[in-house]
Amino acid sequence: MAKNDSTKMFERGKFKQGNDTGFGEEAEGQASVFRHSLEGWAMMVMPNTPSRGDITVDIPDTLSSKIFILLGNMVLLDRKRLPLQPTPSSLFAELIPMWPTVWYWLKGLYKQNVLRARKLPTAEDKITCQRRHAVILNALISFTYHNPPSDLSNLVRSTKGTMDLLASIWIEEAQNAEALFGFEAARLIFDDHFLFPDVTFAVLEHIISRSGGTYAAVELLFQRIHRNLNQAAPCFGSFSCDVQFIIDQLLENLALMLSGPLYGIGVILSTQGANTAKMVDQLLATRFLVSMSYIVPMCTEGTQLTHACWTILHDILPSYGIYRTRLLQMRNHVAECGPRLGTGFDKNYKHGILAFEASLFRSMAKFKQYKRGSVYVFNCGNPERSTVVCYCSRECQKQDWRGEHKQLCHNTCLASEAPASLAGPDLRFLTHVVAGGIKNLPVELIESVAHKTSSKLASPRTRLLLMKYDRASMDDGTCMKATAVDFDNLAHKSDFSAAYPLLKEKWQRAWSLEKALKSSNQSQTVIPVLAMIPRRPSEPQTITGLFTADWSSCDPARTREVNVRWVHHT
């Protein structure tokens, strides 16, 4: 027999000496047992371990049983904590020189144990298989799951095949029809205190890879649970780990929301930076406002919950009343919870002025006025975004709606390009709100940007009326703030957000269309308007247009009809 043959029997005299001095026997204290095991390993196992290759033949039970005893005594686990976790110890550093041989026997003995379990084992063999499986699993956990990482755990993790072996142990438990190995490997990927994220994630990646993908891994997870509960004596500790792992994966964010109203609103508000319009649509597609009617009375002064309620009800939602579809959704939800609310959102919120229902009431008043009859008339238009194409007649549409433009309209109808894009009903209501807003502006402000249709333009106009529909720009309880701005004045550049260069180019191009300024009544006045409506916190939608009317020099509100031509939408 070759000197380095892995089947070579250990020298009986050395093993007897080891047992007499405490190798494999319980000594005083865990540290003493650990060091005796290391001495026994160095004396009997290391000299008989091949320098390369894997175990390819059966290892006699008399030999493997002694190795399992030594391995079991090297395990340092805190048995007061469930699931079991390694005990932080400086002793692990003493194992580092022996790790290559420990790794050789761990993977070899595991392979042999699995093969034995598949050969119709006897009742005695089944007990042996399960015990040896537990020793291998506990040894790998004891050497790998260290917080903070130790020199040993870093060495073990960097050893080729370690994570793959851990994944194999978890999978084998799920696949064994007789549950011979138990289900203790649930600890490998369940980390309720988030102490070993790097290790658990690495093992999980190998499980998914070896299983054949995510769906196959999920099937194995449920198979583990099923076979565990079908045992005569289920392992409820492992069952709890597997089930909790599922909950952690599926409800990572929802778990926070379920723990209290503050967390729920916090999670919702955290999404506004990504896409506010999308968030609002998601909220209004649920019974969110009905739920908020329970939360608002719980607000107490100076708390984060109170601030969160104010942000979503006072600042975010009212600004979306400019959209017809969202306005009606809010109205319907408030009507649903109205009978139970009694005094309503605003009065139930006792810490400051909420003004959610007040803003909703003003927006609904505009909508009722719109339904009675609009204050504008569309002029023919062919803006670059087909979502805002408007025509005065079917004949006008037939002349224009052909070829490439027709295809563009068709494509954009199939897929909306922006989360707050303007469909026909939303555009018509927006036009009514903007036209009505202009009629209520001071004469001085209108005159600062307006010009007569009879005037000749040598170059594009740069002054225009900027109308911001944003709760943050509220001055007097409304959601709109109007100012006169100049494209060429760099001081106003920030007013147009990041879209300034594009807006200026498109606006000047719109002014080059002189036919847009023609009017049968040469005394009429044109007001160039740029409306900014909410979409994202730092990227609002912009829609530009020309509002033509016989604006009264003394009272714009007396103007009966406004002709609107939208020229650009982004």
Protein backbone atom coordinates (compact mmCIF):
# COMPACT_ATOMS: atom_id res chain seq x y z
CA MET A 1 0.00 0.00 0.00
CA ALA A 2 1.42 3.37 -0.98
CA LYS A 3 2.63 5.62 1.79
CA ASN A 4 0.14 8.41 0.96
CA ASP A 5 -2.82 6.12 0.23
CA SER A 6 -5.87 7.66 1.87
CA THR A 7 -7.12 4.19 2.89
CA LYS A 8 -4.02 3.49 5.01
CA MET A 9 -4.99 2.60 8.55
CA PHE A 10 -3.73 4.87 11.27
CA GLU A 11 -1.16 3.32 13.57
CA ARG A 12 -3.12 1.59 16.31
CA GLY A 13 -0.60 2.54 18.96
CA LYS A 14 -0.93 6.25 18.23
CA PHE A 15 -4.71 6.07 18.23
CA LYS A 16 -4.71 4.23 21.56
CA GLN A 17 -2.34 6.86 22.92
CA GLY A 18 -4.63 9.59 21.64
CA ASN A 19 -7.69 8.09 23.28
CA ASP A 20 -5.85 7.64 26.55
CA THR A 21 -4.85 11.31 26.60
CA GLY A 22 -8.33 12.58 25.75
CA PHE A 23 -8.50 12.55 21.93
CA GLY A 24 -12.17 12.27 21.12
CA GLU A 25 -13.16 12.14 24.79
CA GLU A 26 -14.76 14.94 26.74
CA ALA A 27 -12.04 16.90 28.54
CA GLU A 28 -12.35 19.79 30.94
CA GLY A 29 -13.62 22.75 28.97
CA GLN A 30 -14.29 23.25 25.29
CA ALA A 31 -10.86 24.80 24.69
CA SER A 32 -9.13 21.74 26.10
CA VAL A 33 -11.18 19.41 23.89
CA PHE A 34 -10.45 21.59 20.86
CA ARG A 35 -6.67 21.55 21.45
CA HIS A 36 -6.59 17.80 22.15
CA SER A 37 -8.40 17.27 18.85
CA LEU A 38 -5.90 19.44 16.99
CA GLU A 39 -3.05 17.45 18.52
CA GLY A 40 -4.70 14.19 17.53
CA TRP A 41 -5.30 15.50 14.02
CA ALA A 42 -1.67 16.60 13.66
CA MET A 43 -0.39 13.29 15.03
CA MET A 44 -2.58 10.82 13.15
CA VAL A 45 -4.47 12.45 10.27
CA MET A 46 -2.09 14.94 8.66
CA PRO A 47 0.74 12.44 8.05
CA ASN A 48 -1.67 10.11 6.25
CA THR A 49 -3.41 12.69 4.07
CA PRO A 50 -2.47 12.81 0.36
CA SER A 51 -1.14 16.15 -0.84
CA ARG A 52 -3.47 16.19 -3.81
CA GLY A 53 -6.51 14.49 -5.31
CA ASP A 54 -9.83 13.38 -3.82
CA ILE A 55 -10.92 10.28 -1.94
CA THR A 56 -11.92 7.75 -4.58
CA VAL A 57 -12.39 4.56 -2.53
CA ASP A 58 -14.43 3.65 0.53
CA ILE A 59 -12.91 4.60 3.85
CA PRO A 60 -13.15 1.87 6.49
CA ASP A 61 -15.64 2.67 9.23
CA THR A 62 -12.99 2.20 11.90
CA LEU A 63 -10.99 4.98 10.27
CA SER A 64 -13.79 7.36 9.36
CA SER A 65 -15.40 7.10 12.78
CA LYS A 66 -12.20 8.29 14.46
CA ILE A 67 -11.90 11.21 12.02
CA PHE A 68 -15.52 12.20 12.72
CA ILE A 69 -14.78 12.21 16.45
CA LEU A 70 -11.87 14.58 15.95
CA LEU A 71 -13.88 16.83 13.60
CA GLY A 72 -16.78 16.95 16.03
CA ASN A 73 -14.49 18.11 18.82
CA MET A 74 -13.15 20.95 16.64
CA VAL A 75 -16.62 22.45 16.38
CA LEU A 76 -17.14 25.56 18.50
CA LEU A 77 -20.83 26.52 18.49
CA ASP A 78 -22.82 28.63 20.91
CA ARG A 79 -25.50 26.12 21.81
CA LYS A 80 -27.47 28.70 23.78
CA ARG A 81 -28.40 30.50 20.56
CA LEU A 82 -30.83 29.18 17.98
CA PRO A 83 -29.99 28.69 15.24
CA LEU A 84 -26.53 27.59 16.43
CA GLN A 85 -23.75 30.06 15.65
CA PRO A 86 -19.95 29.83 15.95
CA THR A 87 -18.47 30.91 19.26
CA PRO A 88 -15.96 33.73 18.67
CA SER A 89 -12.61 32.29 19.71
CA SER A 90 -8.91 32.85 19.17
CA LEU A 91 -8.60 29.05 19.05
CA PHE A 92 -9.64 29.06 15.41
CA ALA A 93 -6.27 30.55 14.45
CA GLU A 94 -4.61 27.30 15.59
CA LEU A 95 -6.59 25.39 12.96
CA ILE A 96 -5.28 27.42 10.01
CA PRO A 97 -2.13 25.32 9.33
CA MET A 98 -4.26 22.16 9.31
CA TRP A 99 -7.07 23.48 7.12
CA PRO A 100 -5.92 21.88 3.81
CA THR A 101 -6.09 18.41 5.37
CA VAL A 102 -9.35 19.19 7.19
CA TRP A 103 -10.88 20.32 3.90
CA TYR A 104 -9.64 17.14 2.16
CA TRP A 105 -11.41 14.89 4.63
CA LEU A 106 -14.56 17.02 4.92
CA LYS A 107 -15.38 16.83 1.23
CA GLY A 108 -14.32 13.17 0.98
CA LEU A 109 -16.31 12.02 3.98
CA TYR A 110 -19.36 13.99 2.82
CA LYS A 111 -19.27 12.29 -0.58
CA GLN A 112 -18.98 8.86 1.04
CA ASN A 113 -21.82 9.61 3.44
CA VAL A 114 -24.15 10.62 0.60
CA LEU A 115 -23.31 7.45 -1.36
CA ARG A 116 -24.01 5.31 1.70
CA ALA A 117 -27.38 6.98 2.23
CA ARG A 118 -28.40 6.11 -1.33
CA LYS A 119 -27.68 2.35 -0.97
CA LEU A 120 -30.76 1.25 0.96
CA PRO A 121 -29.18 1.70 4.38
CA THR A 122 -30.19 -0.26 7.43
CA ALA A 123 -31.77 1.42 10.42
CA GLU A 124 -28.34 1.60 12.07
CA ASP A 125 -26.79 3.06 8.91
CA LYS A 126 -29.48 5.74 8.80
CA ILE A 127 -28.59 6.92 12.29
CA THR A 128 -24.89 6.94 11.39
CA CYS A 129 -25.52 8.91 8.18
CA GLN A 130 -27.51 11.56 10.00
CA ARG A 131 -24.93 11.95 12.78
CA ARG A 132 -22.04 12.25 10.33
CA HIS A 133 -23.98 14.71 8.20
CA ALA A 134 -24.50 16.86 11.30
CA VAL A 135 -20.77 16.77 12.14
CA ILE A 136 -19.78 17.90 8.62
CA LEU A 137 -22.41 20.65 8.59
CA ASN A 138 -21.52 21.94 12.07
CA ALA A 139 -17.82 21.89 11.25
CA LEU A 140 -18.30 23.95 8.09
CA ILE A 141 -20.55 26.44 9.89
CA SER A 142 -18.09 26.67 12.78
CA PHE A 143 -15.18 27.39 10.42
CA THR A 144 -17.00 29.67 7.95
CA TYR A 145 -19.66 31.80 9.69
CA HIS A 146 -17.57 34.25 11.71
CA ASN A 147 -18.62 37.80 12.63
CA PRO A 148 -16.41 39.70 12.25
CA PRO A 149 -14.60 37.54 9.67
CA SER A 150 -11.50 35.82 11.04
CA ASP A 151 -8.34 34.64 9.31
CA LEU A 152 -9.75 31.11 9.35
CA SER A 153 -13.16 32.06 7.93
CA ASN A 154 -11.50 34.08 5.16
CA LEU A 155 -9.28 31.10 4.34
CA VAL A 156 -12.21 28.69 4.30
CA ARG A 157 -14.32 30.94 2.10
CA SER A 158 -11.48 31.44 -0.36
CA THR A 159 -10.94 27.68 -0.69
CA LYS A 160 -12.24 26.45 -4.02
CA GLY A 161 -15.36 24.34 -3.57
CA THR A 162 -16.36 25.39 -0.05
CA MET A 163 -19.47 27.34 -1.03
CA ASP A 164 -20.35 24.61 -3.51
CA LEU A 165 -20.18 21.96 -0.77
CA LEU A 166 -22.41 24.03 1.52
CA ALA A 167 -24.94 24.38 -1.31
CA SER A 168 -24.77 20.61 -1.94
CA ILE A 169 -25.55 19.91 1.71
CA TRP A 170 -28.66 22.13 1.57
CA ILE A 171 -29.83 20.56 -1.71
CA GLU A 172 -29.18 16.97 -0.55
CA GLU A 173 -31.38 17.51 2.49
CA ALA A 174 -34.21 18.63 0.22
CA GLN A 175 -33.80 15.78 -2.26
CA ASN A 176 -33.44 12.85 0.13
CA ALA A 177 -36.84 11.18 0.10
CA GLU A 178 -36.40 9.59 3.54
CA ALA A 179 -35.06 12.76 5.17
CA LEU A 180 -31.98 10.84 6.30
CA PHE A 181 -29.90 13.97 6.78
CA GLY A 182 -32.46 16.05 8.61
CA PHE A 183 -32.90 19.72 7.67
CA GLU A 184 -30.33 21.55 9.79
CA ALA A 185 -28.80 23.18 6.68
CA ALA A 186 -31.63 25.73 6.83
CA ARG A 187 -29.14 27.74 8.90
CA LEU A 188 -26.87 28.16 5.89
CA ILE A 189 -29.06 30.78 4.21
CA PHE A 190 -31.22 32.07 7.06
CA ASP A 191 -29.56 34.91 8.97
CA ASP A 192 -32.21 36.65 11.08
CA HIS A 193 -29.73 39.08 12.65
CA PHE A 194 -27.93 39.80 9.37
CA LEU A 195 -24.58 38.76 10.86
CA PHE A 196 -23.16 36.86 7.89
CA PRO A 197 -24.62 38.46 4.74
CA ASP A 198 -21.63 37.74 2.50
CA VAL A 199 -21.61 34.04 3.36
CA THR A 200 -25.36 33.49 3.17
CA PHE A 201 -25.63 35.32 -0.15
CA ALA A 202 -22.73 33.31 -1.59
CA VAL A 203 -24.29 30.01 -0.50
CA LEU A 204 -27.66 31.08 -1.90
CA GLU A 205 -26.10 31.92 -5.27
CA HIS A 206 -24.52 28.45 -5.43
CA ILE A 207 -27.82 26.81 -4.45
CA ILE A 208 -29.62 28.59 -7.29
CA SER A 209 -26.86 27.72 -9.74
CA ARG A 210 -26.68 24.03 -8.76
CA SER A 211 -30.47 23.71 -8.66
CA GLY A 212 -30.82 24.92 -12.24
CA GLY A 213 -32.23 28.39 -11.63
CA THR A 214 -34.41 30.41 -9.29
CA TYR A 215 -37.65 28.49 -9.88
CA ALA A 216 -35.96 25.14 -9.27
CA ALA A 217 -34.41 26.47 -6.06
CA VAL A 218 -37.82 27.65 -4.84
CA GLU A 219 -39.25 24.18 -5.55
CA LEU A 220 -36.47 22.63 -3.47
CA LEU A 221 -37.20 25.05 -0.64
CA PHE A 222 -40.85 24.01 -0.50
CA GLN A 223 -39.78 20.37 -0.88
CA ARG A 224 -37.61 20.75 2.24
CA ILE A 225 -40.55 22.11 4.20
CA HIS A 226 -42.90 19.37 2.97
CA ARG A 227 -40.53 16.50 3.79
CA ASN A 228 -39.63 17.98 7.15
CA LEU A 229 -43.26 18.18 8.26
CA ASN A 230 -43.96 14.66 7.00
CA GLN A 231 -41.46 13.18 9.46
CA ALA A 232 -42.72 11.37 12.53
CA ALA A 233 -40.91 14.02 14.60
CA PRO A 234 -40.53 17.21 12.48
CA CYS A 235 -37.62 19.53 13.14
CA PHE A 236 -39.52 22.70 13.95
CA GLY A 237 -36.36 24.76 14.36
CA SER A 238 -35.38 24.09 10.74
CA PHE A 239 -38.98 24.56 9.63
CA SER A 240 -39.01 27.99 11.27
CA CYS A 241 -35.75 28.96 9.52
CA ASP A 242 -37.04 27.90 6.09
CA VAL A 243 -40.37 29.68 6.50
CA GLN A 244 -38.76 32.84 7.88
CA PHE A 245 -36.36 32.85 4.93
CA ILE A 246 -39.36 32.88 2.57
CA ILE A 247 -40.96 35.74 4.48
CA ASP A 248 -37.75 37.76 4.43
CA GLN A 249 -37.41 37.35 0.67
CA LEU A 250 -41.02 38.10 -0.26
CA LEU A 251 -41.83 40.79 2.26
CA GLU A 252 -38.56 42.67 2.65
CA ASN A 253 -40.25 46.07 2.32
CA LEU A 254 -43.77 45.06 3.28
CA ALA A 255 -42.50 43.74 6.61
CA LEU A 256 -41.57 47.30 7.52
CA MET A 257 -44.93 48.61 6.38
CA LEU A 258 -46.79 46.03 8.47
CA SER A 259 -44.86 46.99 11.60
CA GLY A 260 -46.64 50.34 11.88
CA PRO A 261 -48.15 53.25 9.94
CA LEU A 262 -44.98 55.32 10.20
CA TYR A 263 -42.90 52.73 8.35
CA GLY A 264 -45.55 52.27 5.68
CA ILE A 265 -45.74 55.95 4.82
CA GLY A 266 -41.96 56.22 5.02
CA VAL A 267 -41.54 53.49 2.41
CA ILE A 268 -44.13 55.12 0.15
CA LEU A 269 -42.58 58.57 0.43
CA SER A 270 -39.13 57.18 -0.33
CA THR A 271 -40.29 56.35 -3.86
CA GLN A 272 -41.14 59.90 -4.84
CA GLY A 273 -37.60 60.71 -5.94
CA ALA A 274 -37.71 57.92 -8.50
CA ASN A 275 -41.00 58.76 -10.15
CA THR A 276 -43.66 60.81 -8.40
CA ALA A 277 -46.32 60.50 -11.09
CA LYS A 278 -45.98 56.74 -11.12
CA MET A 279 -46.17 56.65 -7.34
CA VAL A 280 -49.37 58.74 -7.34
CA ASP A 281 -50.94 56.42 -9.92
CA GLN A 282 -50.06 53.39 -7.82
CA LEU A 283 -51.51 54.96 -4.69
CA LEU A 284 -54.73 56.05 -6.35
CA ALA A 285 -55.18 52.57 -7.83
CA THR A 286 -55.55 51.33 -4.24
CA ARG A 287 -57.63 52.42 -1.24
CA PHE A 288 -54.69 54.46 0.04
CA LEU A 289 -56.72 57.56 0.89
CA VAL A 290 -59.23 55.45 2.80
CA SER A 291 -56.35 54.01 4.83
CA MET A 292 -54.94 57.49 5.38
CA SER A 293 -58.24 58.58 6.88
CA TYR A 294 -57.49 56.21 9.78
CA ILE A 295 -53.90 57.43 10.13
CA VAL A 296 -54.47 61.21 10.04
CA PRO A 297 -56.23 61.36 13.46
CA MET A 298 -53.22 59.52 14.95
CA CYS A 299 -50.83 62.37 14.12
CA THR A 300 -49.22 64.00 17.11
CA GLU A 301 -47.23 67.21 17.09
CA GLY A 302 -43.62 67.10 15.97
CA THR A 303 -43.49 63.42 14.95
CA GLN A 304 -42.17 61.94 11.73
CA LEU A 305 -45.60 60.45 11.07
CA THR A 306 -47.19 63.90 11.18
CA HIS A 307 -44.62 65.28 8.75
CA ALA A 308 -45.10 62.32 6.40
CA CYS A 309 -48.88 62.81 6.34
CA TRP A 310 -48.44 66.50 5.64
CA THR A 311 -45.99 65.79 2.80
CA ILE A 312 -48.22 63.35 0.97
CA LEU A 313 -51.60 65.01 1.58
CA HIS A 314 -50.67 68.68 1.62
CA ASP A 315 -47.76 68.81 -0.81
CA ILE A 316 -47.83 65.93 -3.31
CA LEU A 317 -51.40 64.86 -4.04
CA PRO A 318 -53.03 68.33 -4.44
CA SER A 319 -50.60 69.30 -7.21
CA TYR A 320 -51.89 66.38 -9.29
CA GLY A 321 -55.38 67.86 -9.32
CA ILE A 322 -54.32 69.47 -12.62
CA TYR A 323 -54.88 66.03 -14.23
CA ARG A 324 -58.52 65.22 -14.79
CA THR A 325 -58.14 61.46 -14.28
CA ARG A 326 -56.23 61.76 -11.01
CA LEU A 327 -58.54 64.48 -9.71
CA LEU A 328 -61.61 62.28 -10.17
CA GLN A 329 -59.86 59.33 -8.52
CA MET A 330 -59.07 61.45 -5.46
CA ARG A 331 -62.63 62.75 -5.33
CA ASN A 332 -64.06 59.21 -5.44
CA HIS A 333 -61.78 57.95 -2.67
CA VAL A 334 -62.56 60.89 -0.39
CA ALA A 335 -66.27 60.37 -1.03
CA GLU A 336 -65.86 56.72 -0.03
CA CYS A 337 -64.42 57.55 3.39
CA GLY A 338 -66.46 60.74 3.90
CA PRO A 339 -69.34 59.35 6.00
CA ARG A 340 -66.93 57.84 8.51
CA LEU A 341 -64.53 60.80 8.57
CA GLY A 342 -67.11 63.23 9.84
CA THR A 343 -65.11 66.46 9.92
CA GLY A 344 -62.72 65.24 7.18
CA PHE A 345 -58.97 65.07 6.62
CA ASP A 346 -58.21 68.75 7.18
CA LYS A 347 -59.94 69.08 10.55
CA ASN A 348 -58.78 65.69 11.83
CA TYR A 349 -55.20 66.79 11.21
CA LYS A 350 -54.75 69.01 14.26
CA HIS A 351 -51.17 70.16 13.76
CA GLY A 352 -51.03 72.91 11.16
CA ILE A 353 -53.05 73.59 8.02
CA LEU A 354 -53.40 70.45 5.92
CA ALA A 355 -55.60 71.96 3.17
CA PHE A 356 -55.90 68.69 1.26
CA GLU A 357 -59.68 68.77 1.04
CA ALA A 358 -59.64 72.54 0.47
CA SER A 359 -57.37 72.09 -2.55
CA LEU A 360 -59.50 69.22 -3.80
CA PHE A 361 -62.62 71.38 -3.44
CA ARG A 362 -61.08 74.19 -5.53
CA SER A 363 -59.99 71.76 -8.23
CA MET A 364 -63.44 70.17 -8.35
CA ALA A 365 -65.01 73.64 -8.69
CA LYS A 366 -62.87 74.16 -11.81
CA PHE A 367 -63.93 70.76 -13.12
CA LYS A 368 -67.62 71.55 -12.65
CA GLN A 369 -67.12 74.83 -14.49
CA TYR A 370 -65.33 72.92 -17.26
CA LYS A 371 -68.26 70.51 -17.59
CA ARG A 372 -70.68 73.44 -17.91
CA GLY A 373 -68.67 74.90 -20.78
CA SER A 374 -65.01 75.59 -21.43
CA VAL A 375 -63.50 79.07 -21.68
CA TYR A 376 -61.27 78.26 -24.65
CA VAL A 377 -61.40 77.28 -28.32
CA PHE A 378 -58.69 75.09 -29.86
CA ASN A 379 -56.94 76.39 -32.93
CA CYS A 380 -55.59 73.85 -35.43
CA GLY A 381 -52.35 72.42 -34.15
CA ASN A 382 -49.63 70.06 -35.19
CA PRO A 383 -47.27 69.90 -32.22
CA GLU A 384 -44.34 67.54 -32.21
CA ARG A 385 -45.84 65.28 -29.58
CA SER A 386 -48.94 63.65 -31.01
CA THR A 387 -50.45 63.26 -27.53
CA VAL A 388 -51.49 66.92 -27.75
CA VAL A 389 -52.65 67.09 -31.38
CA CYS A 390 -55.90 69.05 -31.62
CA TYR A 391 -57.95 69.94 -34.70
CA CYS A 392 -60.85 72.26 -35.26
CA SER A 393 -62.62 69.90 -37.67
CA ARG A 394 -62.51 66.44 -39.24
CA GLU A 395 -61.49 67.95 -42.58
CA CYS A 396 -58.52 69.68 -40.98
CA GLN A 397 -57.45 66.42 -39.37
CA LYS A 398 -57.70 64.49 -42.67
CA GLN A 399 -55.40 66.99 -44.39
CA ASP A 400 -52.75 66.70 -41.72
CA TRP A 401 -53.06 63.20 -40.32
CA ARG A 402 -51.28 61.16 -42.98
CA GLY A 403 -47.93 59.56 -43.74
CA GLU A 404 -45.25 59.75 -41.07
CA HIS A 405 -47.35 61.86 -38.74
CA LYS A 406 -50.15 59.31 -38.85
CA GLN A 407 -47.73 56.52 -37.97
CA LEU A 408 -46.33 58.60 -35.10
CA CYS A 409 -49.80 59.12 -33.67
CA HIS A 410 -50.52 55.41 -33.96
CA ASN A 411 -47.30 54.40 -32.22
CA THR A 412 -47.70 56.78 -29.29
CA CYS A 413 -51.26 55.65 -28.75
CA LEU A 414 -50.00 52.09 -28.24
CA ALA A 415 -47.34 52.98 -25.68
CA SER A 416 -47.23 56.05 -23.48
CA GLU A 417 -43.75 57.55 -23.43
CA ALA A 418 -44.06 59.37 -20.13
CA PRO A 419 -45.71 58.48 -16.81
CA ALA A 420 -47.81 61.64 -16.83
CA SER A 421 -48.40 62.03 -20.56
CA LEU A 422 -51.45 63.99 -21.62
CA ALA A 423 -54.32 62.05 -23.10
CA GLY A 424 -57.24 63.91 -24.64
CA PRO A 425 -59.41 64.32 -21.49
CA ASP A 426 -56.43 65.42 -19.39
CA LEU A 427 -55.28 67.88 -22.06
CA ARG A 428 -58.70 69.49 -22.44
CA PHE A 429 -59.12 69.95 -18.70
CA LEU A 430 -55.56 71.32 -18.41
CA THR A 431 -56.27 73.80 -21.20
CA HIS A 432 -59.40 74.94 -19.38
CA VAL A 433 -57.45 75.41 -16.12
CA VAL A 434 -54.61 77.33 -17.80
CA ALA A 435 -56.96 79.58 -19.79
CA GLY A 436 -59.03 80.24 -16.69
CA GLY A 437 -55.89 80.96 -14.70
CA ILE A 438 -54.75 83.55 -17.24
CA LYS A 439 -58.09 85.31 -17.01
CA ASN A 440 -57.57 85.76 -13.28
CA LEU A 441 -54.07 87.24 -13.52
CA PRO A 442 -53.28 90.94 -12.92
CA VAL A 443 -53.37 93.18 -16.00
CA GLU A 444 -49.78 94.32 -15.44
CA LEU A 445 -48.49 90.75 -15.61
CA ILE A 446 -50.33 89.99 -18.85
CA GLU A 447 -49.20 93.22 -20.51
CA SER A 448 -45.56 92.48 -19.65
CA VAL A 449 -45.51 89.45 -21.97
CA ALA A 450 -48.36 90.01 -24.45
CA HIS A 451 -48.23 91.54 -27.93
CA LYS A 452 -50.76 92.39 -30.64
CA THR A 453 -51.32 89.91 -33.46
CA SER A 454 -50.76 92.78 -35.89
CA SER A 455 -47.18 93.32 -34.70
CA LYS A 456 -44.38 92.11 -36.96
CA LEU A 457 -41.70 89.90 -35.49
CA ALA A 458 -38.11 90.37 -36.61
CA SER A 459 -36.94 87.62 -34.27
CA PRO A 460 -38.51 85.13 -31.86
CA ARG A 461 -39.99 86.56 -28.70
CA THR A 462 -38.10 85.68 -25.54
CA ARG A 463 -40.53 86.88 -22.88
CA LEU A 464 -43.31 84.53 -21.86
CA LEU A 465 -45.68 83.70 -19.05
CA LEU A 466 -44.40 80.85 -16.88
CA MET A 467 -47.20 79.05 -15.02
CA LYS A 468 -45.95 76.54 -12.46
CA TYR A 469 -48.51 74.02 -11.25
CA ASP A 470 -46.58 72.81 -8.24
CA ARG A 471 -47.59 72.75 -4.61
CA ALA A 472 -44.13 73.96 -3.63
CA SER A 473 -44.71 77.24 -5.49
CA MET A 474 -48.04 77.93 -3.77
CA ASP A 475 -48.57 81.46 -2.57
CA ASP A 476 -52.24 81.88 -1.73
CA GLY A 477 -53.73 78.42 -1.30
CA THR A 478 -53.76 77.61 -5.02
CA CYS A 479 -51.46 75.18 -6.81
CA MET A 480 -50.30 77.66 -9.45
CA LYS A 481 -47.75 80.45 -9.50
CA ALA A 482 -47.46 82.74 -12.56
CA THR A 483 -44.42 84.87 -13.36
CA ALA A 484 -43.07 86.71 -16.40
CA VAL A 485 -39.69 85.32 -17.48
CA ASP A 486 -37.17 85.91 -20.24
CA PHE A 487 -35.40 83.06 -22.02
CA ASP A 488 -32.32 85.22 -22.60
CA ASN A 489 -32.05 86.22 -18.94
CA LEU A 490 -29.76 83.68 -17.30
CA ALA A 491 -31.24 84.55 -13.93
CA HIS A 492 -34.42 82.80 -15.08
CA LYS A 493 -32.65 79.69 -16.35
CA SER A 494 -33.26 77.72 -13.16
CA ASP A 495 -37.01 78.30 -13.54
CA PHE A 496 -37.08 75.95 -16.52
CA SER A 497 -35.33 73.01 -14.81
CA ALA A 498 -32.83 70.91 -16.73
CA ALA A 499 -34.87 71.19 -19.94
CA TYR A 500 -33.82 74.81 -20.52
CA PRO A 501 -31.70 74.32 -23.72
CA LEU A 502 -34.32 72.14 -25.39
CA LEU A 503 -37.18 74.40 -24.38
CA LYS A 504 -35.49 77.48 -25.78
CA GLU A 505 -34.81 75.78 -29.11
CA LYS A 506 -38.38 74.48 -29.44
CA TRP A 507 -39.91 77.76 -28.32
CA GLN A 508 -37.98 79.76 -30.90
CA ARG A 509 -38.96 77.27 -33.60
CA ALA A 510 -42.60 77.69 -32.62
CA TRP A 511 -42.33 81.44 -33.02
CA SER A 512 -40.97 81.03 -36.55
CA LEU A 513 -44.37 79.69 -37.60
CA GLU A 514 -45.86 83.07 -38.49
CA LYS A 515 -49.17 81.56 -39.54
CA ALA A 516 -49.71 80.67 -35.91
CA LEU A 517 -49.98 84.38 -35.16
CA LYS A 518 -52.48 85.24 -37.88
CA SER A 519 -55.87 86.33 -36.69
CA SER A 520 -58.96 87.72 -38.34
CA ASN A 521 -59.08 90.32 -35.61
CA GLN A 522 -55.84 92.32 -35.72
CA SER A 523 -56.62 93.89 -32.34
CA GLN A 524 -56.34 90.60 -30.50
CA THR A 525 -53.47 89.90 -28.17
CA VAL A 526 -51.21 86.85 -28.01
CA ILE A 527 -49.82 85.59 -24.72
CA PRO A 528 -46.97 83.05 -24.98
CA VAL A 529 -47.37 80.54 -22.16
CA LEU A 530 -45.17 77.81 -20.76
CA ALA A 531 -47.00 75.60 -18.25
CA MET A 532 -45.01 73.32 -15.97
CA ILE A 533 -47.03 70.45 -14.53
CA PRO A 534 -45.85 67.77 -12.09
CA ARG A 535 -44.29 64.52 -13.22
CA ARG A 536 -41.07 64.07 -11.21
CA PRO A 537 -39.68 66.31 -8.45
CA SER A 538 -36.80 67.56 -10.60
CA GLU A 539 -38.28 66.95 -14.05
CA PRO A 540 -41.77 68.38 -14.59
CA GLN A 541 -43.68 68.13 -17.81
CA THR A 542 -43.65 71.29 -19.89
CA ILE A 543 -46.27 72.31 -22.41
CA THR A 544 -45.97 75.54 -24.39
CA GLY A 545 -48.67 77.34 -26.28
CA LEU A 546 -50.05 80.59 -27.67
CA PHE A 547 -53.18 81.99 -26.02
CA THR A 548 -54.92 84.52 -28.25
CA ALA A 549 -57.87 86.65 -27.18
CA ASP A 550 -59.26 90.16 -27.02
CA TRP A 551 -57.87 90.68 -23.55
CA SER A 552 -59.62 93.54 -21.80
CA SER A 553 -57.13 96.17 -20.74
CA CYS A 554 -59.09 96.82 -17.60
CA ASP A 555 -60.22 93.33 -16.61
CA PRO A 556 -58.93 90.12 -18.26
CA ALA A 557 -61.65 88.15 -16.49
CA ARG A 558 -64.23 89.74 -18.81
CA THR A 559 -62.63 88.02 -21.82
CA ARG A 560 -65.18 85.54 -23.09
CA GLU A 561 -63.22 83.35 -25.48
CA VAL A 562 -59.58 82.28 -25.61
CA ASN A 563 -58.05 80.66 -28.69
CA VAL A 564 -55.39 78.13 -27.74
CA ARG A 565 -52.69 76.64 -29.92
CA TRP A 566 -50.33 74.23 -28.19
CA VAL A 567 -46.97 74.15 -29.95
CA HIS A 568 -44.71 71.90 -27.90
CA HIS A 569 -44.93 69.26 -25.19
CA THR A 570 -42.11 67.45 -23.43
